[in-house]
Amino acid sequence: MEMPELSGTTRHALQEAVLSPRFYTTDFAAIDRLNIDALRDEFEWIRDEFAHDYNKGHFVRNEEFNANFDDMPVRSQFIEFLERSCTAEFSGCLLYAEMTKHLKDPTLRAIFKYMSRDEGRHAGFLNKTMADLNVELDLGVLHTRKKYTYFKPKFIFYATYLSEKIGYARYITIYRQLQKQPNGIIHPIFKWFEEWCQDEYRHGEFFSLLMRSQPELLSRANRRWIRFFLLAVYATMYINDARRNDFYAALGLNWREYDQDVIRLTNHISTQVYPVTLPVDNPQFFHNLDACVEYDRKIRALEKRKDPIAIAQSARLRAAIGTRLLSTYRLQPAVTNEATRWKGLDGFPNYPGPGRERATAA
């Protein structure tokens, strides 16, 4: 039977690249063996938070979505933003659904089921917005044909926690900017970001709890892995967003200031669970990331050429990026203490402790 022709957007989303969203799989049996009894009460509390489904009625499109967006600014970059976001949200939906299928602990199964529900809702909302723009992203094809990357469970926890928290930081920073400068609202979907990003924050709270329930994940050699994933997430976002500076300018944002604000916020939030974070206040930190952006710009300019000199120059520049990132990784980390630890999101429900009344939701 002949396969139907795929849309250009679907083909693009299927591509594997260093800076592209990925689909993940892991050792589900190893996760199933985790013992969470020491924090069982807190897990059950957060399960009930997910069951509440605060945003059940939030993702409802209104008449603003029926406008003609053919002449909207940075239309192609906006479509790419939707594609990347939709792919990332769908990745989480699939991973959490697999957790639900493989885990036996009823509390963990319920939590992953609720998180898969949230991510599926986000992906669907993004996909409908793409359809408004006459762009097709076939999620069924992505499900069956996109390559899955295997990560050990602890790497899944580190990466997914940061993905959820940086997702919160990105969305809330854009939302607050557009509240101050509504002329940057190039599409109504940005008006949905405030409540949307609270889903991301809540998912991160669960992974924070999951890591706290397994103290070995936060000690000894694993501290080096924590720093590695922090740097990987920050550097990927920084280089990606530098490539799309016109898109952020259309929103009224300077991409560099935006990314640095997001990194600082995510780094601060991460102190809620991580014993070490990255020294983002060290001037060398962003100096190195800026150098990586410049090397990447030169690499992309060389992509139009296929001659041996261009290939050699590209290889040298890629090595320079690696050297800069290694130098950044070797900077003295910031050690979390009670004075610097993230105290929680204002107005957001926090675990009240066993036997105490449930906190009022924001």
Protein backbone atom coordinates (compact mmCIF):
# COMPACT_ATOMS: atom_id res chain seq x y z
CA MET A 1 0.00 0.00 0.00
CA GLU A 2 1.43 3.37 -0.99
CA MET A 3 2.09 5.79 1.87
CA PRO A 4 0.25 9.12 1.61
CA GLU A 5 2.42 12.13 0.83
CA LEU A 6 3.48 13.93 3.97
CA SER A 7 3.16 17.67 4.43
CA GLY A 8 6.36 19.72 4.49
CA THR A 9 5.78 20.52 8.17
CA THR A 10 5.39 16.84 9.07
CA ARG A 11 8.56 15.96 7.15
CA HIS A 12 10.42 18.75 8.95
CA ALA A 13 9.20 17.56 12.36
CA LEU A 14 10.41 14.04 11.54
CA GLN A 15 13.96 15.24 10.99
CA GLU A 16 16.53 14.54 13.70
CA ALA A 17 18.90 17.37 14.56
CA VAL A 18 20.90 18.37 17.62
CA LEU A 19 18.63 21.33 18.39
CA SER A 20 15.29 19.71 17.43
CA PRO A 21 12.62 18.39 19.84
CA ARG A 22 12.95 14.64 20.41
CA PHE A 23 10.77 11.71 21.42
CA TYR A 24 12.03 9.68 24.38
CA THR A 25 11.79 6.21 25.80
CA THR A 26 13.34 4.74 28.94
CA ASP A 27 13.63 1.74 31.24
CA PHE A 28 10.06 1.63 32.51
CA ALA A 29 10.75 -1.46 34.65
CA ALA A 30 13.44 0.45 36.56
CA ILE A 31 11.04 3.31 37.24
CA ASP A 32 8.43 0.79 38.36
CA ARG A 33 10.88 -0.42 41.01
CA LEU A 34 11.22 3.02 42.61
CA ASN A 35 9.97 3.24 46.18
CA ILE A 36 8.12 6.50 46.89
CA ASP A 37 6.65 5.51 50.26
CA ALA A 38 8.76 8.02 52.20
CA LEU A 39 6.91 10.86 50.45
CA ARG A 40 3.70 8.99 49.69
CA ASP A 41 1.46 11.60 51.31
CA GLU A 42 2.99 14.37 49.19
CA PHE A 43 2.64 12.30 46.02
CA GLU A 44 -1.02 11.72 46.79
CA TRP A 45 -1.52 15.43 47.38
CA ILE A 46 0.00 16.35 44.02
CA ARG A 47 -2.05 13.59 42.38
CA ASP A 48 -5.17 15.30 43.69
CA GLU A 49 -3.88 18.61 42.31
CA PHE A 50 -3.66 17.06 38.85
CA ALA A 51 -7.08 15.46 39.25
CA HIS A 52 -8.54 18.92 39.95
CA ASP A 53 -7.67 19.82 36.32
CA TYR A 54 -7.47 23.58 36.82
CA ASN A 55 -7.26 24.28 33.09
CA LYS A 56 -10.03 21.95 31.97
CA GLY A 57 -12.02 24.82 30.48
CA HIS A 58 -9.07 26.99 29.47
CA PHE A 59 -8.15 25.70 26.02
CA VAL A 60 -11.27 26.89 24.25
CA ARG A 61 -10.79 28.83 21.04
CA ASN A 62 -12.80 31.99 20.45
CA GLU A 63 -13.67 34.14 17.45
CA GLU A 64 -10.22 35.75 17.44
CA PHE A 65 -8.83 32.53 15.97
CA ASN A 66 -11.07 32.95 12.91
CA ALA A 67 -9.19 36.00 11.67
CA ASN A 68 -7.14 35.95 8.45
CA PHE A 69 -3.48 35.54 9.37
CA ASP A 70 -2.09 35.38 5.81
CA ASP A 71 -0.38 38.75 6.22
CA MET A 72 0.68 38.41 9.85
CA PRO A 73 4.29 39.40 10.62
CA VAL A 74 6.96 36.66 10.77
CA ARG A 75 4.37 34.11 9.65
CA SER A 76 6.89 31.41 8.70
CA GLN A 77 8.78 31.83 11.99
CA PHE A 78 5.52 31.67 13.90
CA ILE A 79 4.62 28.41 12.13
CA GLU A 80 8.03 27.00 13.04
CA PHE A 81 7.44 28.07 16.66
CA LEU A 82 4.11 26.23 16.63
CA GLU A 83 5.67 23.14 15.04
CA ARG A 84 8.49 22.91 17.58
CA SER A 85 6.14 23.57 20.49
CA CYS A 86 3.57 21.06 19.26
CA THR A 87 6.22 18.38 18.73
CA ALA A 88 7.63 18.95 22.22
CA GLU A 89 4.21 18.83 23.87
CA PHE A 90 3.27 15.69 21.93
CA SER A 91 6.57 14.11 22.98
CA GLY A 92 5.60 14.62 26.63
CA CYS A 93 2.10 13.27 25.96
CA LEU A 94 3.51 10.03 24.52
CA LEU A 95 6.18 9.55 27.19
CA TYR A 96 3.73 10.07 30.04
CA ALA A 97 1.19 7.76 28.38
CA GLU A 98 3.85 5.03 28.22
CA MET A 99 4.59 5.57 31.91
CA THR A 100 0.90 5.05 32.63
CA LYS A 101 0.90 1.77 30.70
CA HIS A 102 4.02 0.32 32.33
CA LEU A 103 3.90 1.45 35.97
CA LYS A 104 2.04 -0.48 38.67
CA ASP A 105 2.04 2.07 41.50
CA PRO A 106 -1.49 3.54 41.38
CA THR A 107 -0.42 7.01 42.50
CA LEU A 108 2.33 7.35 39.89
CA ARG A 109 0.09 5.89 37.19
CA ALA A 110 -2.61 8.43 37.93
CA ILE A 111 -0.16 11.34 37.91
CA PHE A 112 1.38 10.36 34.59
CA LYS A 113 -2.10 9.86 33.12
CA TYR A 114 -3.08 13.39 34.13
CA MET A 115 0.15 14.86 32.76
CA SER A 116 -0.34 13.02 29.46
CA ARG A 117 -3.84 14.53 29.36
CA ASP A 118 -2.39 18.02 29.81
CA GLU A 119 0.33 17.63 27.19
CA GLY A 120 -2.12 16.12 24.71
CA ARG A 121 -4.43 19.06 25.25
CA HIS A 122 -1.57 21.50 24.65
CA ALA A 123 -0.45 19.68 21.49
CA GLY A 124 -4.02 19.63 20.16
CA PHE A 125 -4.48 23.35 20.78
CA LEU A 126 -1.24 24.12 18.93
CA ASN A 127 -2.11 21.75 16.10
CA LYS A 128 -5.50 23.41 15.55
CA THR A 129 -3.76 26.77 15.41
CA MET A 130 -1.46 25.41 12.70
CA ALA A 131 -4.48 24.16 10.78
CA ASP A 132 -5.89 27.71 10.90
CA LEU A 133 -2.78 28.74 8.98
CA ASN A 134 -3.33 25.96 6.43
CA VAL A 135 -0.40 24.00 7.83
CA GLU A 136 -0.67 20.29 8.54
CA LEU A 137 1.35 18.50 11.23
CA ASP A 138 0.32 14.84 11.31
CA LEU A 139 0.77 13.75 14.93
CA GLY A 140 -0.16 10.17 14.04
CA VAL A 141 2.77 9.99 11.64
CA LEU A 142 5.10 11.47 14.26
CA HIS A 143 3.90 8.84 16.74
CA THR A 144 4.76 5.93 14.48
CA ARG A 145 7.68 7.21 12.40
CA LYS A 146 9.74 9.63 14.48
CA LYS A 147 12.87 8.16 16.03
CA TYR A 148 12.77 7.60 19.80
CA THR A 149 15.84 8.44 21.89
CA TYR A 150 16.59 6.17 24.86
CA PHE A 151 17.48 7.87 28.15
CA LYS A 152 18.14 6.25 31.50
CA PRO A 153 15.37 7.06 34.00
CA LYS A 154 17.47 9.57 35.93
CA PHE A 155 18.28 11.41 32.69
CA ILE A 156 14.57 11.47 31.85
CA PHE A 157 13.89 13.03 35.27
CA TYR A 158 16.62 15.69 34.93
CA ALA A 159 15.74 16.60 31.34
CA THR A 160 11.97 16.56 31.75
CA TYR A 161 12.03 18.55 34.98
CA LEU A 162 14.05 21.26 33.22
CA SER A 163 11.90 21.10 30.10
CA GLU A 164 8.76 21.71 32.15
CA LYS A 165 10.28 24.49 34.24
CA ILE A 166 11.92 26.31 31.36
CA GLY A 167 8.63 25.96 29.48
CA TYR A 168 6.96 27.80 32.34
CA ALA A 169 9.66 30.48 32.35
CA ARG A 170 9.45 30.99 28.59
CA TYR A 171 5.67 31.24 28.44
CA ILE A 172 5.24 33.47 31.46
CA THR A 173 7.99 35.84 30.28
CA ILE A 174 6.34 36.20 26.86
CA TYR A 175 2.92 36.64 28.46
CA ARG A 176 4.11 39.39 30.83
CA GLN A 177 5.88 41.21 28.00
CA LEU A 178 2.74 41.17 25.85
CA GLN A 179 0.64 42.39 28.75
CA LYS A 180 2.88 45.46 28.84
CA GLN A 181 3.09 45.83 25.05
CA PRO A 182 -0.10 44.39 23.50
CA ASN A 183 1.00 45.56 20.04
CA GLY A 184 3.29 42.51 20.07
CA ILE A 185 0.35 40.08 20.20
CA ILE A 186 0.72 38.85 16.62
CA HIS A 187 -1.71 35.98 17.27
CA PRO A 188 -4.36 35.35 19.97
CA ILE A 189 -2.72 32.11 21.17
CA PHE A 190 -0.32 34.17 23.29
CA LYS A 191 -3.26 35.32 25.43
CA TRP A 192 -3.61 31.73 26.67
CA PHE A 193 -0.04 31.48 27.99
CA GLU A 194 -0.55 32.43 31.66
CA GLU A 195 -2.75 29.51 32.70
CA TRP A 196 -1.05 27.26 30.15
CA CYS A 197 2.35 27.71 31.73
CA GLN A 198 0.93 26.79 35.12
CA ASP A 199 0.43 23.27 33.74
CA GLU A 200 4.13 23.21 32.88
CA TYR A 201 5.07 24.47 36.34
CA ARG A 202 2.87 21.85 38.01
CA HIS A 203 4.45 19.05 35.95
CA GLY A 204 7.87 20.25 37.06
CA GLU A 205 6.71 20.15 40.69
CA PHE A 206 5.99 16.44 40.28
CA PHE A 207 9.44 15.69 38.85
CA SER A 208 11.00 17.70 41.67
CA LEU A 209 9.13 15.50 44.12
CA LEU A 210 10.13 12.35 42.24
CA MET A 211 13.81 13.28 42.47
CA ARG A 212 13.52 14.20 46.15
CA SER A 213 12.03 10.77 46.80
CA GLN A 214 15.27 9.24 45.44
CA PRO A 215 18.01 11.22 47.24
CA GLU A 216 20.83 9.44 45.39
CA LEU A 217 19.74 11.28 42.22
CA LEU A 218 20.81 14.56 43.82
CA SER A 219 24.15 13.57 45.32
CA ARG A 220 27.75 12.71 44.46
CA ALA A 221 28.48 12.08 40.76
CA ASN A 222 24.89 12.89 39.84
CA ARG A 223 25.57 16.52 40.64
CA ARG A 224 27.78 16.58 37.57
CA TRP A 225 24.92 15.19 35.49
CA ILE A 226 22.62 17.88 36.89
CA ARG A 227 25.02 20.57 35.72
CA PHE A 228 25.34 18.88 32.34
CA PHE A 229 21.59 18.89 31.75
CA LEU A 230 21.23 22.46 32.96
CA LEU A 231 23.87 23.59 30.47
CA ALA A 232 22.47 21.46 27.65
CA VAL A 233 18.97 22.91 28.07
CA TYR A 234 20.17 26.50 28.39
CA ALA A 235 22.63 26.36 25.49
CA THR A 236 20.12 24.66 23.17
CA MET A 237 17.53 27.33 23.84
CA TYR A 238 20.06 30.15 23.49
CA ILE A 239 21.35 29.02 20.10
CA ASN A 240 17.87 28.17 18.83
CA ASP A 241 16.42 31.54 19.80
CA ALA A 242 19.35 33.46 18.34
CA ARG A 243 18.48 31.84 15.00
CA ARG A 244 14.93 33.21 15.34
CA ASN A 245 15.61 36.73 16.56
CA ASP A 246 13.13 38.23 14.06
CA PHE A 247 10.30 36.26 15.63
CA TYR A 248 11.02 37.59 19.11
CA ALA A 249 11.49 41.11 17.78
CA ALA A 250 7.96 40.93 16.35
CA LEU A 251 6.73 40.19 19.88
CA GLY A 252 8.60 43.23 21.17
CA LEU A 253 11.36 41.12 22.71
CA ASN A 254 15.12 41.28 22.38
CA TRP A 255 15.92 37.57 22.06
CA ARG A 256 19.14 37.84 24.08
CA GLU A 257 17.56 39.70 27.01
CA TYR A 258 14.57 37.35 26.86
CA ASP A 259 16.72 34.21 26.95
CA GLN A 260 18.89 35.52 29.75
CA ASP A 261 15.82 36.37 31.82
CA VAL A 262 14.39 32.89 31.17
CA ILE A 263 17.67 31.19 32.09
CA ARG A 264 18.00 33.17 35.31
CA LEU A 265 14.41 32.38 36.30
CA THR A 266 14.76 28.67 35.46
CA ASN A 267 18.07 28.49 37.29
CA HIS A 268 16.47 30.04 40.36
CA ILE A 269 13.46 27.72 40.23
CA SER A 270 15.81 24.73 39.92
CA THR A 271 17.26 25.44 43.35
CA GLN A 272 14.04 24.02 44.81
CA VAL A 273 15.47 20.54 44.15
CA TYR A 274 18.99 20.77 42.73
CA PRO A 275 21.87 21.08 45.23
CA VAL A 276 23.92 22.88 42.57
CA THR A 277 22.99 25.08 39.63
CA LEU A 278 24.95 27.04 37.05
CA PRO A 279 26.74 30.33 37.84
CA VAL A 280 24.62 32.47 35.55
CA ASP A 281 25.78 35.65 37.31
CA ASN A 282 29.38 34.93 36.36
CA PRO A 283 30.08 37.25 33.36
CA GLN A 284 31.92 34.41 31.63
CA PHE A 285 28.74 32.32 31.50
CA PHE A 286 26.82 34.40 28.97
CA HIS A 287 30.06 35.51 27.30
CA ASN A 288 30.63 31.87 26.38
CA LEU A 289 27.05 31.38 25.19
CA ASP A 290 27.30 34.51 23.05
CA ALA A 291 30.47 33.10 21.50
CA CYS A 292 28.60 29.87 20.69
CA VAL A 293 25.89 31.89 18.95
CA GLU A 294 28.50 33.63 16.82
CA TYR A 295 30.15 30.33 15.89
CA ASP A 296 26.74 28.91 14.99
CA ARG A 297 26.01 31.92 12.79
CA LYS A 298 29.24 31.31 10.87
CA ILE A 299 28.48 27.60 10.53
CA ARG A 300 25.09 28.33 9.04
CA ALA A 301 26.64 30.77 6.56
CA LEU A 302 29.03 28.02 5.47
CA GLU A 303 26.21 25.52 4.90
CA LYS A 304 25.63 26.95 1.43
CA ARG A 305 29.10 25.78 0.45
CA LYS A 306 30.18 22.14 0.02
CA ASP A 307 33.86 22.64 -0.76
CA PRO A 308 36.57 21.08 1.46
CA ILE A 309 37.60 24.43 2.95
CA ALA A 310 34.03 25.21 4.07
CA ILE A 311 33.66 21.71 5.54
CA ALA A 312 36.92 22.10 7.46
CA GLN A 313 35.92 25.55 8.72
CA SER A 314 32.55 24.21 9.89
CA ALA A 315 34.26 21.38 11.77
CA ARG A 316 36.60 23.86 13.46
CA LEU A 317 33.69 26.06 14.48
CA ARG A 318 31.75 23.10 15.89
CA ALA A 319 34.83 22.17 17.91
CA ALA A 320 34.98 25.77 19.14
CA ILE A 321 31.37 25.50 20.34
CA GLY A 322 32.25 22.33 22.20
CA THR A 323 35.29 24.01 23.79
CA ARG A 324 33.20 26.99 24.92
CA LEU A 325 30.54 24.75 26.42
CA LEU A 326 33.18 22.69 28.22
CA SER A 327 34.66 25.89 29.58
CA THR A 328 31.21 26.95 30.77
CA TYR A 329 30.62 23.57 32.40
CA ARG A 330 33.89 23.93 34.31
CA LEU A 331 32.89 27.24 35.89
CA GLN A 332 32.44 26.99 39.65
CA PRO A 333 28.81 25.93 40.19
CA ALA A 334 26.40 27.82 42.44
CA VAL A 335 25.71 25.78 45.59
CA THR A 336 22.13 25.92 46.82
CA ASN A 337 21.55 27.01 50.41
CA GLU A 338 18.49 28.07 52.38
CA ALA A 339 19.03 31.71 51.48
CA THR A 340 19.13 31.04 47.74
CA ARG A 341 16.61 28.20 47.51
CA TRP A 342 13.43 28.81 45.47
CA LYS A 343 10.56 29.35 47.89
CA GLY A 344 7.76 28.57 45.45
CA LEU A 345 5.50 30.44 43.07
CA ASP A 346 3.37 33.17 44.66
CA GLY A 347 -0.28 32.18 44.80
CA PHE A 348 0.43 28.66 43.58
CA PRO A 349 -0.84 25.77 45.76
CA ASN A 350 1.90 24.08 47.75
CA TYR A 351 1.88 20.87 49.76
CA PRO A 352 0.40 21.81 53.16
CA GLY A 353 1.89 18.86 55.04
CA PRO A 354 0.25 15.65 56.28
CA GLY A 355 -2.97 16.10 58.21
CA ARG A 356 -3.31 19.78 57.31
CA GLU A 357 -6.02 21.41 55.27
CA ARG A 358 -5.52 21.50 51.55
CA ALA A 359 -4.12 24.80 50.28
CA THR A 360 -6.34 27.04 48.21
CA ALA A 361 -5.47 26.88 44.52
CA ALA A 362 -4.43 29.96 42.61
